Amino acid sequence: MCILFWTVEGHPKYRFVFAGNRDEFLDRPSSKAHFWPNPNQNVLSGTDLQQGSTPQHNGSWLGITRQGRFAALTNFREQNFKGKLSRGILVRDFLTADVDQVSADDYVSNLERRAGDFGGFNLICVDLGRKADMVYFGNRGDASRTVLEKGVSYGLSNSTLTSPWPKVNRGCEMFNSILNSSTDKTEEQFIEDLFKLLRTSSPLTNVYDLNQVMVDITERIFVPLFRNSEFMSSASYGTRTSTVVLVDHQGNTTFVERDIYSAVANEEGKVEYVPRNPSLDQDQVFRFNVDGLS
């Protein structure tokens, strides 16, 4: 489960504002955000390293490029459907597509023809070039290819864009409040306000009752760490990474990735996950300029 909030041209200082949580099993191997090696050195994202997932620049849940392309993915929880292809390649393939040949709408239009090859997903594709194209597509429920409006704030989790979970509605209100109150704040203060939004939560009602857990997840922007053997795995699950991305009108980009937990070995040598202290300046921070906006 994940949650995303974003707007294009919805802020006087920034062309693009994004804040999102990645909810995942903590023992699922993945890399931190990084610029990829050649020939895709303009792509910045974390990558999924799960054995058996897509090879060669493994799939990702979100990323951005120096050309101003951004993509983010959320999945549907499905126990009885396994797609032929990893959903993570949807982000990867958009970010590595030729900017001059394939627009966001082109990419999603082509994807519609093979959407059945994937497990349930939501995908947003953004091109921050001169036209600032922004397209949503999902392959479950009432989702369909939708060109999104500039100047509007959006929220998305693991239901469709038009059938949002309660936490999405609440989070969008908070997101808009942060946008409206941020014009006189420094960029650092703005970023921290967005991270505070992403930490909005309360304890789960009963981690041993899977039905109640699933209800709780629809209401909590930040998913507290829990274990439930019925939930696909007995491993610890929860919000493991938060990401904030800002791109101003000159193309100056700030990408901040914050891990929620650190893996440490206990006295028995087993891995345990302990909350990180965000004040220790351990975030992954990248600053660069989007081509063509300066």
C-alpha atoms as a PDB file:
ATOM      1  CA  MET A   1       0.000   0.000   0.000  1.00  0.00           C
ATOM      2  CA  CYS A   2       1.250   3.497  -0.821  1.00  0.00           C
ATOM      3  CA  ILE A   3      -0.063   7.041  -0.951  1.00  0.00           C
ATOM      4  CA  LEU A   4       0.776   9.937  -3.279  1.00  0.00           C
ATOM      5  CA  PHE A   5      -0.067  13.651  -3.294  1.00  0.00           C
ATOM      6  CA  TRP A   6       0.943  16.003  -6.095  1.00  0.00           C
ATOM      7  CA  THR A   7       0.149  19.083  -8.123  1.00  0.00           C
ATOM      8  CA  VAL A   8       1.483  20.610 -11.342  1.00  0.00           C
ATOM      9  CA  GLU A   9       1.352  24.415 -11.537  1.00  0.00           C
ATOM     10  CA  GLY A  10      -0.608  24.500  -8.293  1.00  0.00           C
ATOM     11  CA  HIS A  11       1.922  26.595  -6.360  1.00  0.00           C
ATOM     12  CA  PRO A  12       3.287  30.086  -7.114  1.00  0.00           C
ATOM     13  CA  LYS A  13       6.912  29.053  -6.530  1.00  0.00           C
ATOM     14  CA  TYR A  14       6.911  25.490  -7.823  1.00  0.00           C
ATOM     15  CA  ARG A  15       5.911  23.915 -11.104  1.00  0.00           C
ATOM     16  CA  PHE A  16       5.680  20.492  -9.435  1.00  0.00           C
ATOM     17  CA  VAL A  17       5.144  19.444  -5.829  1.00  0.00           C
ATOM     18  CA  PHE A  18       5.033  15.777  -4.817  1.00  0.00           C
ATOM     19  CA  ALA A  19       4.888  13.939  -1.500  1.00  0.00           C
ATOM     20  CA  GLY A  20       4.482  10.189  -1.169  1.00  0.00           C
ATOM     21  CA  ASN A  21       4.881   7.167   1.079  1.00  0.00           C
ATOM     22  CA  ARG A  22       6.046   3.744   0.017  1.00  0.00           C
ATOM     23  CA  ASP A  23       4.458   0.980   2.103  1.00  0.00           C
ATOM     24  CA  GLU A  24       6.232  -2.348   1.740  1.00  0.00           C
ATOM     25  CA  PHE A  25       7.684  -5.353   3.550  1.00  0.00           C
ATOM     26  CA  LEU A  26      10.837  -4.144   5.232  1.00  0.00           C
ATOM     27  CA  ASP A  27      12.831  -7.192   4.193  1.00  0.00           C
ATOM     28  CA  ARG A  28      12.061  -6.745   0.478  1.00  0.00           C
ATOM     29  CA  PRO A  29      15.441  -5.786  -1.013  1.00  0.00           C
ATOM     30  CA  SER A  30      15.598  -2.463  -2.802  1.00  0.00           C
ATOM     31  CA  SER A  31      18.146   0.249  -3.470  1.00  0.00           C
ATOM     32  CA  LYS A  32      17.996   3.785  -2.200  1.00  0.00           C
ATOM     33  CA  ALA A  33      17.343   6.549  -4.698  1.00  0.00           C
ATOM     34  CA  HIS A  34      20.305   7.039  -7.028  1.00  0.00           C
ATOM     35  CA  PHE A  35      21.122   8.202 -10.534  1.00  0.00           C
ATOM     36  CA  TRP A  36      21.301   5.149 -12.747  1.00  0.00           C
ATOM     37  CA  PRO A  37      24.424   4.170 -14.691  1.00  0.00           C
ATOM     38  CA  ASN A  38      24.750   4.641 -18.450  1.00  0.00           C
ATOM     39  CA  PRO A  39      22.844   4.624 -20.712  1.00  0.00           C
ATOM     40  CA  ASN A  40      20.090   5.835 -18.343  1.00  0.00           C
ATOM     41  CA  GLN A  41      22.222   8.207 -16.287  1.00  0.00           C
ATOM     42  CA  ASN A  42      19.490  10.879 -16.300  1.00  0.00           C
ATOM     43  CA  VAL A  43      17.077   8.717 -14.275  1.00  0.00           C
ATOM     44  CA  LEU A  44      16.867   9.182 -10.498  1.00  0.00           C
ATOM     45  CA  SER A  45      14.970   6.546  -8.524  1.00  0.00           C
ATOM     46  CA  GLY A  46      15.205   3.684  -6.110  1.00  0.00           C
ATOM     47  CA  THR A  47      14.988   0.209  -7.626  1.00  0.00           C
ATOM     48  CA  ASP A  48      13.416  -3.082  -6.646  1.00  0.00           C
ATOM     49  CA  LEU A  49      16.073  -5.760  -6.088  1.00  0.00           C
ATOM     50  CA  GLN A  50      13.714  -8.635  -5.290  1.00  0.00           C
ATOM     51  CA  GLN A  51      15.021 -11.842  -6.870  1.00  0.00           C
ATOM     52  CA  GLY A  52      12.941 -12.723  -9.883  1.00  0.00           C
ATOM     53  CA  SER A  53      11.832  -9.157 -10.552  1.00  0.00           C
ATOM     54  CA  THR A  54      12.761  -7.371 -13.755  1.00  0.00           C
ATOM     55  CA  PRO A  55      16.458  -7.514 -14.640  1.00  0.00           C
ATOM     56  CA  GLN A  56      18.650  -4.664 -15.869  1.00  0.00           C
ATOM     57  CA  HIS A  57      17.684  -1.452 -14.063  1.00  0.00           C
ATOM     58  CA  ASN A  58      15.041  -3.217 -12.026  1.00  0.00           C
ATOM     59  CA  GLY A  59      11.578  -1.781 -11.733  1.00  0.00           C
ATOM     60  CA  SER A  60      10.733   1.123  -9.468  1.00  0.00           C
ATOM     61  CA  TRP A  61       7.837   2.674  -7.554  1.00  0.00           C
ATOM     62  CA  LEU A  62       8.687   6.286  -8.444  1.00  0.00           C
ATOM     63  CA  GLY A  63      11.356   8.314 -10.170  1.00  0.00           C
ATOM     64  CA  ILE A  64      12.246  11.492 -12.033  1.00  0.00           C
ATOM     65  CA  THR A  65      14.639  12.398 -14.842  1.00  0.00           C
ATOM     66  CA  ARG A  66      16.822  15.379 -15.694  1.00  0.00           C
ATOM     67  CA  GLN A  67      14.448  15.983 -18.621  1.00  0.00           C
ATOM     68  CA  GLY A  68      11.556  16.515 -16.188  1.00  0.00           C
ATOM     69  CA  ARG A  69       9.780  13.210 -16.503  1.00  0.00           C
ATOM     70  CA  PHE A  70       8.193  11.833 -13.340  1.00  0.00           C
ATOM     71  CA  ALA A  71       6.300   8.604 -12.724  1.00  0.00           C
ATOM     72  CA  ALA A  72       4.843   6.941  -9.645  1.00  0.00           C
ATOM     73  CA  LEU A  73       3.036   3.669  -9.104  1.00  0.00           C
ATOM     74  CA  THR A  74       0.645   2.165  -6.572  1.00  0.00           C
ATOM     75  CA  ASN A  75      -0.541  -1.441  -6.563  1.00  0.00           C
ATOM     76  CA  PHE A  76      -3.781  -3.205  -5.778  1.00  0.00           C
ATOM     77  CA  ARG A  77      -3.614  -5.986  -3.208  1.00  0.00           C
ATOM     78  CA  GLU A  78      -4.597  -9.153  -5.070  1.00  0.00           C
ATOM     79  CA  GLN A  79      -4.045 -12.660  -3.722  1.00  0.00           C
ATOM     80  CA  ASN A  80      -5.280 -14.592  -6.744  1.00  0.00           C
ATOM     81  CA  PHE A  81      -3.737 -12.689  -9.655  1.00  0.00           C
ATOM     82  CA  LYS A  82      -0.108 -12.671 -10.673  1.00  0.00           C
ATOM     83  CA  GLY A  83       0.741 -10.592 -13.704  1.00  0.00           C
ATOM     84  CA  LYS A  84       3.003 -11.814 -16.478  1.00  0.00           C
ATOM     85  CA  LEU A  85       5.180  -8.730 -16.050  1.00  0.00           C
ATOM     86  CA  SER A  86       6.453  -6.788 -13.046  1.00  0.00           C
ATOM     87  CA  ARG A  87       4.519  -3.575 -12.464  1.00  0.00           C
ATOM     88  CA  GLY A  88       7.764  -1.800 -11.599  1.00  0.00           C
ATOM     89  CA  ILE A  89       8.745  -1.718 -15.270  1.00  0.00           C
ATOM     90  CA  LEU A  90       5.870   0.700 -15.895  1.00  0.00           C
ATOM     91  CA  VAL A  91       7.787   3.439 -14.091  1.00  0.00           C
ATOM     92  CA  ARG A  92      11.103   2.347 -15.547  1.00  0.00           C
ATOM     93  CA  ASP A  93       9.922   2.271 -19.147  1.00  0.00           C
ATOM     94  CA  PHE A  94       8.314   5.714 -19.011  1.00  0.00           C
ATOM     95  CA  LEU A  95      11.397   7.303 -17.459  1.00  0.00           C
ATOM     96  CA  THR A  96      13.702   5.747 -20.059  1.00  0.00           C
ATOM     97  CA  ALA A  97      11.483   6.428 -23.098  1.00  0.00           C
ATOM     98  CA  ASP A  98      12.609   8.984 -25.690  1.00  0.00           C
ATOM     99  CA  VAL A  99      11.230  12.352 -24.541  1.00  0.00           C
ATOM    100  CA  ASP A 100      11.041  13.654 -28.114  1.00  0.00           C
ATOM    101  CA  GLN A 101       9.227  10.588 -29.448  1.00  0.00           C
ATOM    102  CA  VAL A 102       6.910   9.409 -26.649  1.00  0.00           C
ATOM    103  CA  SER A 103       4.705  11.812 -24.690  1.00  0.00           C
ATOM    104  CA  ALA A 104       3.072  10.889 -21.400  1.00  0.00           C
ATOM    105  CA  ASP A 105      -0.233  10.387 -23.213  1.00  0.00           C
ATOM    106  CA  ASP A 106       1.454   8.288 -25.928  1.00  0.00           C
ATOM    107  CA  TYR A 107       3.008   6.060 -23.295  1.00  0.00           C
ATOM    108  CA  VAL A 108      -0.253   5.485 -21.447  1.00  0.00           C
ATOM    109  CA  SER A 109      -2.170   4.926 -24.706  1.00  0.00           C
ATOM    110  CA  ASN A 110       0.258   2.167 -25.658  1.00  0.00           C
ATOM    111  CA  LEU A 111       0.058   0.730 -22.155  1.00  0.00           C
ATOM    112  CA  GLU A 112      -3.727   0.350 -22.398  1.00  0.00           C
ATOM    113  CA  ARG A 113      -3.269  -2.397 -24.988  1.00  0.00           C
ATOM    114  CA  ARG A 114      -1.220  -4.588 -22.631  1.00  0.00           C
ATOM    115  CA  ALA A 115      -2.670  -3.612 -19.276  1.00  0.00           C
ATOM    116  CA  GLY A 116      -3.884  -7.181 -18.724  1.00  0.00           C
ATOM    117  CA  ASP A 117      -0.285  -8.399 -18.498  1.00  0.00           C
ATOM    118  CA  PHE A 118       0.115  -6.722 -15.107  1.00  0.00           C
ATOM    119  CA  GLY A 119      -1.335  -7.101 -11.654  1.00  0.00           C
ATOM    120  CA  GLY A 120      -3.628  -4.311 -10.523  1.00  0.00           C
ATOM    121  CA  PHE A 121      -1.977  -0.880 -10.584  1.00  0.00           C
ATOM    122  CA  ASN A 122      -2.386   2.884 -10.700  1.00  0.00           C
ATOM    123  CA  LEU A 123       0.186   4.903 -12.631  1.00  0.00           C
ATOM    124  CA  ILE A 124       0.792   8.624 -12.962  1.00  0.00           C
ATOM    125  CA  CYS A 125       3.058   9.909 -15.728  1.00  0.00           C
ATOM    126  CA  VAL A 126       4.147  13.548 -15.721  1.00  0.00           C
ATOM    127  CA  ASP A 127       6.191  15.454 -18.283  1.00  0.00           C
ATOM    128  CA  LEU A 128       7.228  18.825 -16.870  1.00  0.00           C
ATOM    129  CA  GLY A 129       8.248  20.225 -20.240  1.00  0.00           C
ATOM    130  CA  ARG A 130       6.688  23.331 -21.713  1.00  0.00           C
ATOM    131  CA  LYS A 131       3.199  21.789 -21.892  1.00  0.00           C
ATOM    132  CA  ALA A 132       3.428  19.968 -18.551  1.00  0.00           C
ATOM    133  CA  ASP A 133       1.519  16.854 -19.633  1.00  0.00           C
ATOM    134  CA  MET A 134       0.114  14.719 -16.809  1.00  0.00           C
ATOM    135  CA  VAL A 135      -1.765  11.435 -17.314  1.00  0.00           C
ATOM    136  CA  TYR A 136      -3.287   8.840 -14.970  1.00  0.00           C
ATOM    137  CA  PHE A 137      -4.083   5.233 -15.816  1.00  0.00           C
ATOM    138  CA  GLY A 138      -5.163   2.175 -13.854  1.00  0.00           C
ATOM    139  CA  ASN A 139      -6.213  -1.324 -14.838  1.00  0.00           C
ATOM    140  CA  ARG A 140      -8.767  -2.114 -12.137  1.00  0.00           C
ATOM    141  CA  GLY A 141     -12.232  -0.887 -11.177  1.00  0.00           C
ATOM    142  CA  ASP A 142     -13.394   2.373 -12.733  1.00  0.00           C
ATOM    143  CA  ALA A 143      -9.880   3.498 -13.658  1.00  0.00           C
ATOM    144  CA  SER A 144      -9.295   4.751 -17.190  1.00  0.00           C
ATOM    145  CA  ARG A 145      -6.779   6.872 -19.056  1.00  0.00           C
ATOM    146  CA  THR A 146      -7.279  10.420 -17.796  1.00  0.00           C
ATOM    147  CA  VAL A 147      -5.438  13.599 -18.725  1.00  0.00           C
ATOM    148  CA  LEU A 148      -5.105  15.461 -15.437  1.00  0.00           C
ATOM    149  CA  GLU A 149      -5.589  19.190 -14.947  1.00  0.00           C
ATOM    150  CA  LYS A 150      -2.866  21.646 -14.075  1.00  0.00           C
ATOM    151  CA  GLY A 151      -3.429  23.757 -10.992  1.00  0.00           C
ATOM    152  CA  VAL A 152      -5.310  20.947  -9.224  1.00  0.00           C
ATOM    153  CA  SER A 153      -4.083  18.885  -6.265  1.00  0.00           C
ATOM    154  CA  TYR A 154      -4.423  15.121  -6.537  1.00  0.00           C
ATOM    155  CA  GLY A 155      -4.178  12.217  -4.135  1.00  0.00           C
ATOM    156  CA  LEU A 156      -3.933   8.507  -4.864  1.00  0.00           C
ATOM    157  CA  SER A 157      -3.511   5.342  -2.860  1.00  0.00           C
ATOM    158  CA  ASN A 158      -4.440   1.726  -3.578  1.00  0.00           C
ATOM    159  CA  SER A 159      -7.929   2.404  -4.878  1.00  0.00           C
ATOM    160  CA  THR A 160      -8.671   4.219  -8.125  1.00  0.00           C
ATOM    161  CA  LEU A 161      -8.276   7.957  -8.573  1.00  0.00           C
ATOM    162  CA  THR A 162     -12.045   8.501  -8.683  1.00  0.00           C
ATOM    163  CA  SER A 163     -12.811   6.233  -5.687  1.00  0.00           C
ATOM    164  CA  PRO A 164     -10.348   7.496  -3.073  1.00  0.00           C
ATOM    165  CA  TRP A 165      -9.831   5.954   0.340  1.00  0.00           C
ATOM    166  CA  PRO A 166     -10.631   8.142   3.380  1.00  0.00           C
ATOM    167  CA  LYS A 167      -6.949   8.888   3.999  1.00  0.00           C
ATOM    168  CA  VAL A 168      -6.615  10.301   0.485  1.00  0.00           C
ATOM    169  CA  ASN A 169      -9.456  12.760   1.001  1.00  0.00           C
ATOM    170  CA  ARG A 170      -8.077  13.836   4.371  1.00  0.00           C
ATOM    171  CA  GLY A 171      -4.532  14.003   3.033  1.00  0.00           C
ATOM    172  CA  CYS A 172      -5.552  16.182   0.072  1.00  0.00           C
ATOM    173  CA  GLU A 173      -7.083  18.698   2.460  1.00  0.00           C
ATOM    174  CA  MET A 174      -3.849  18.758   4.463  1.00  0.00           C
ATOM    175  CA  PHE A 175      -1.764  18.948   1.278  1.00  0.00           C
ATOM    176  CA  ASN A 176      -3.723  21.971   0.049  1.00  0.00           C
ATOM    177  CA  SER A 177      -3.407  23.644   3.437  1.00  0.00           C
ATOM    178  CA  ILE A 178       0.372  23.170   3.317  1.00  0.00           C
ATOM    179  CA  LEU A 179       0.523  24.576  -0.220  1.00  0.00           C
ATOM    180  CA  ASN A 180      -1.494  27.631   0.773  1.00  0.00           C
ATOM    181  CA  SER A 181       0.597  28.354   3.867  1.00  0.00           C
ATOM    182  CA  SER A 182       4.015  27.744   2.312  1.00  0.00           C
ATOM    183  CA  THR A 183       4.582  30.846   0.196  1.00  0.00           C
ATOM    184  CA  ASP A 184       6.434  32.687   2.971  1.00  0.00           C
ATOM    185  CA  LYS A 185       8.377  29.647   4.180  1.00  0.00           C
ATOM    186  CA  THR A 186      11.835  28.486   3.219  1.00  0.00           C
ATOM    187  CA  GLU A 187      12.150  25.435   1.012  1.00  0.00           C
ATOM    188  CA  GLU A 188      13.456  23.447   3.993  1.00  0.00           C
ATOM    189  CA  GLN A 189      10.377  24.371   6.062  1.00  0.00           C
ATOM    190  CA  PHE A 190       8.079  23.501   3.160  1.00  0.00           C
ATOM    191  CA  ILE A 191       9.729  20.097   2.775  1.00  0.00           C
ATOM    192  CA  GLU A 192       9.423  19.347   6.492  1.00  0.00           C
ATOM    193  CA  ASP A 193       5.729  20.286   6.434  1.00  0.00           C
ATOM    194  CA  LEU A 194       5.217  17.766   3.630  1.00  0.00           C
ATOM    195  CA  PHE A 195       7.087  15.097   5.583  1.00  0.00           C
ATOM    196  CA  LYS A 196       4.854  15.819   8.596  1.00  0.00           C
ATOM    197  CA  LEU A 197       1.837  15.195   6.372  1.00  0.00           C
ATOM    198  CA  LEU A 198       3.335  11.856   5.360  1.00  0.00           C
ATOM    199  CA  ARG A 199       3.748  10.867   9.045  1.00  0.00           C
ATOM    200  CA  THR A 200       0.077  11.460   9.892  1.00  0.00           C
ATOM    201  CA  SER A 201      -1.150   8.305  11.606  1.00  0.00           C
ATOM    202  CA  SER A 202      -2.523   6.523  14.657  1.00  0.00           C
ATOM    203  CA  PRO A 203      -1.919   3.003  16.029  1.00  0.00           C
ATOM    204  CA  LEU A 204      -3.567   0.077  14.248  1.00  0.00           C
ATOM    205  CA  THR A 205      -6.699  -1.135  16.015  1.00  0.00           C
ATOM    206  CA  ASN A 206      -5.831  -4.856  16.097  1.00  0.00           C
ATOM    207  CA  VAL A 207      -2.876  -6.239  14.127  1.00  0.00           C
ATOM    208  CA  TYR A 208      -4.158  -9.815  14.598  1.00  0.00           C
ATOM    209  CA  ASP A 209      -7.414  -9.113  12.777  1.00  0.00           C
ATOM    210  CA  LEU A 210      -6.545  -8.817   9.087  1.00  0.00           C
ATOM    211  CA  ASN A 211      -9.936  -7.420   8.113  1.00  0.00           C
ATOM    212  CA  GLN A 212      -9.533  -4.638  10.669  1.00  0.00           C
ATOM    213  CA  VAL A 213      -5.957  -4.017   9.518  1.00  0.00           C
ATOM    214  CA  MET A 214      -7.190  -3.506   5.954  1.00  0.00           C
ATOM    215  CA  VAL A 215      -9.798  -1.008   7.172  1.00  0.00           C
ATOM    216  CA  ASP A 216      -7.159   0.825   9.213  1.00  0.00           C
ATOM    217  CA  ILE A 217      -4.830   1.052   6.214  1.00  0.00           C
ATOM    218  CA  THR A 218      -7.493   2.915   4.234  1.00  0.00           C
ATOM    219  CA  GLU A 219      -7.547   5.564   6.978  1.00  0.00           C
ATOM    220  CA  ARG A 220      -3.875   6.030   7.895  1.00  0.00           C
ATOM    221  CA  ILE A 221      -1.567   8.065   5.668  1.00  0.00           C
ATOM    222  CA  PHE A 222       1.420   6.579   7.510  1.00  0.00           C
ATOM    223  CA  VAL A 223       1.055   2.818   8.101  1.00  0.00           C
ATOM    224  CA  PRO A 224       2.625   1.753  11.422  1.00  0.00           C
ATOM    225  CA  LEU A 225       4.865  -1.299  11.356  1.00  0.00           C
ATOM    226  CA  PHE A 226       3.019  -4.586  11.928  1.00  0.00           C
ATOM    227  CA  ARG A 227       3.170  -8.321  11.371  1.00  0.00           C
ATOM    228  CA  ASN A 228       0.262 -10.556  10.383  1.00  0.00           C
ATOM    229  CA  SER A 229       0.864 -14.026   8.943  1.00  0.00           C
ATOM    230  CA  GLU A 230      -2.321 -13.766   6.839  1.00  0.00           C
ATOM    231  CA  PHE A 231      -1.028 -10.630   5.117  1.00  0.00           C
ATOM    232  CA  MET A 232       0.900 -12.407   2.340  1.00  0.00           C
ATOM    233  CA  SER A 233       3.972 -12.782   4.571  1.00  0.00           C
ATOM    234  CA  SER A 234       4.951 -12.929   8.229  1.00  0.00           C
ATOM    235  CA  ALA A 235       7.570 -10.217   7.662  1.00  0.00           C
ATOM    236  CA  SER A 236       7.239  -6.703   9.087  1.00  0.00           C
ATOM    237  CA  TYR A 237       5.185  -4.370   6.900  1.00  0.00           C
ATOM    238  CA  GLY A 238       4.505  -0.650   6.985  1.00  0.00           C
ATOM    239  CA  THR A 239       5.558   2.701   5.591  1.00  0.00           C
ATOM    240  CA  ARG A 240       9.277   2.299   4.945  1.00  0.00           C
ATOM    241  CA  THR A 241      10.155   5.330   2.809  1.00  0.00           C
ATOM    242  CA  SER A 242       8.810   8.867   2.340  1.00  0.00           C
ATOM    243  CA  THR A 243       9.738  11.039  -0.641  1.00  0.00           C
ATOM    244  CA  VAL A 244       9.290  14.742  -1.381  1.00  0.00           C
ATOM    245  CA  VAL A 245      10.034  16.268  -4.792  1.00  0.00           C
ATOM    246  CA  LEU A 246       9.971  19.980  -5.638  1.00  0.00           C
ATOM    247  CA  VAL A 247      10.620  21.486  -9.072  1.00  0.00           C
ATOM    248  CA  ASP A 248      10.458  25.271  -9.308  1.00  0.00           C
ATOM    249  CA  HIS A 249       9.574  27.279 -12.411  1.00  0.00           C
ATOM    250  CA  GLN A 250      13.236  27.570 -13.407  1.00  0.00           C
ATOM    251  CA  GLY A 251      13.686  23.789 -13.252  1.00  0.00           C
ATOM    252  CA  ASN A 252      15.615  23.735  -9.975  1.00  0.00           C
ATOM    253  CA  THR A 253      14.794  20.348  -8.491  1.00  0.00           C
ATOM    254  CA  THR A 254      15.064  19.030  -4.943  1.00  0.00           C
ATOM    255  CA  PHE A 255      14.467  15.312  -4.369  1.00  0.00           C
ATOM    256  CA  VAL A 256      14.487  14.083  -0.762  1.00  0.00           C
ATOM    257  CA  GLU A 257      14.106  10.431   0.226  1.00  0.00           C
ATOM    258  CA  ARG A 258      13.683   9.587   3.910  1.00  0.00           C
ATOM    259  CA  ASP A 259      13.950   6.028   5.207  1.00  0.00           C
ATOM    260  CA  ILE A 260      11.740   5.431   8.231  1.00  0.00           C
ATOM    261  CA  TYR A 261      13.664   2.518   9.749  1.00  0.00           C
ATOM    262  CA  SER A 262      17.233   1.303  10.080  1.00  0.00           C
ATOM    263  CA  ALA A 263      18.134  -2.385  10.016  1.00  0.00           C
ATOM    264  CA  VAL A 264      20.271  -3.428  12.997  1.00  0.00           C
ATOM    265  CA  ALA A 265      21.436  -6.799  14.295  1.00  0.00           C
ATOM    266  CA  ASN A 266      20.233  -7.822  17.754  1.00  0.00           C
ATOM    267  CA  GLU A 267      22.224  -9.865  20.274  1.00  0.00           C
ATOM    268  CA  GLU A 268      21.253 -13.062  18.461  1.00  0.00           C
ATOM    269  CA  GLY A 269      22.466 -11.688  15.152  1.00  0.00           C
ATOM    270  CA  LYS A 270      18.952 -11.353  13.739  1.00  0.00           C
ATOM    271  CA  VAL A 271      17.899  -8.240  11.870  1.00  0.00           C
ATOM    272  CA  GLU A 272      15.561  -5.863  13.642  1.00  0.00           C
ATOM    273  CA  TYR A 273      14.101  -2.608  12.340  1.00  0.00           C
ATOM    274  CA  VAL A 274      14.312   0.445  14.554  1.00  0.00           C
ATOM    275  CA  PRO A 275      12.923   3.929  13.828  1.00  0.00           C
ATOM    276  CA  ARG A 276      15.433   6.376  12.400  1.00  0.00           C
ATOM    277  CA  ASN A 277      15.974   9.778  13.912  1.00  0.00           C
ATOM    278  CA  PRO A 278      15.270  12.250  11.070  1.00  0.00           C
ATOM    279  CA  SER A 279      17.205  14.958  12.913  1.00  0.00           C
ATOM    280  CA  LEU A 280      20.460  13.094  12.237  1.00  0.00           C
ATOM    281  CA  ASP A 281      20.534  14.337   8.637  1.00  0.00           C
ATOM    282  CA  GLN A 282      20.465  10.880   7.059  1.00  0.00           C
ATOM    283  CA  ASP A 283      18.138  11.718   4.173  1.00  0.00           C
ATOM    284  CA  GLN A 284      19.026  11.065   0.557  1.00  0.00           C
ATOM    285  CA  VAL A 285      19.033  14.551  -0.982  1.00  0.00           C
ATOM    286  CA  PHE A 286      19.561  15.333  -4.669  1.00  0.00           C
ATOM    287  CA  ARG A 287      19.563  18.765  -6.292  1.00  0.00           C
ATOM    288  CA  PHE A 288      19.757  19.286 -10.037  1.00  0.00           C
ATOM    289  CA  ASN A 289      18.192  21.275 -12.863  1.00  0.00           C
ATOM    290  CA  VAL A 290      15.540  19.986 -15.239  1.00  0.00           C
ATOM    291  CA  ASP A 291      16.629  20.562 -18.823  1.00  0.00           C
ATOM    292  CA  GLY A 292      14.719  23.217 -20.742  1.00  0.00           C
ATOM    293  CA  LEU A 293      12.992  24.968 -17.836  1.00  0.00           C
ATOM    294  CA  SER A 294      15.735  27.386 -16.792  1.00  0.00           C
END
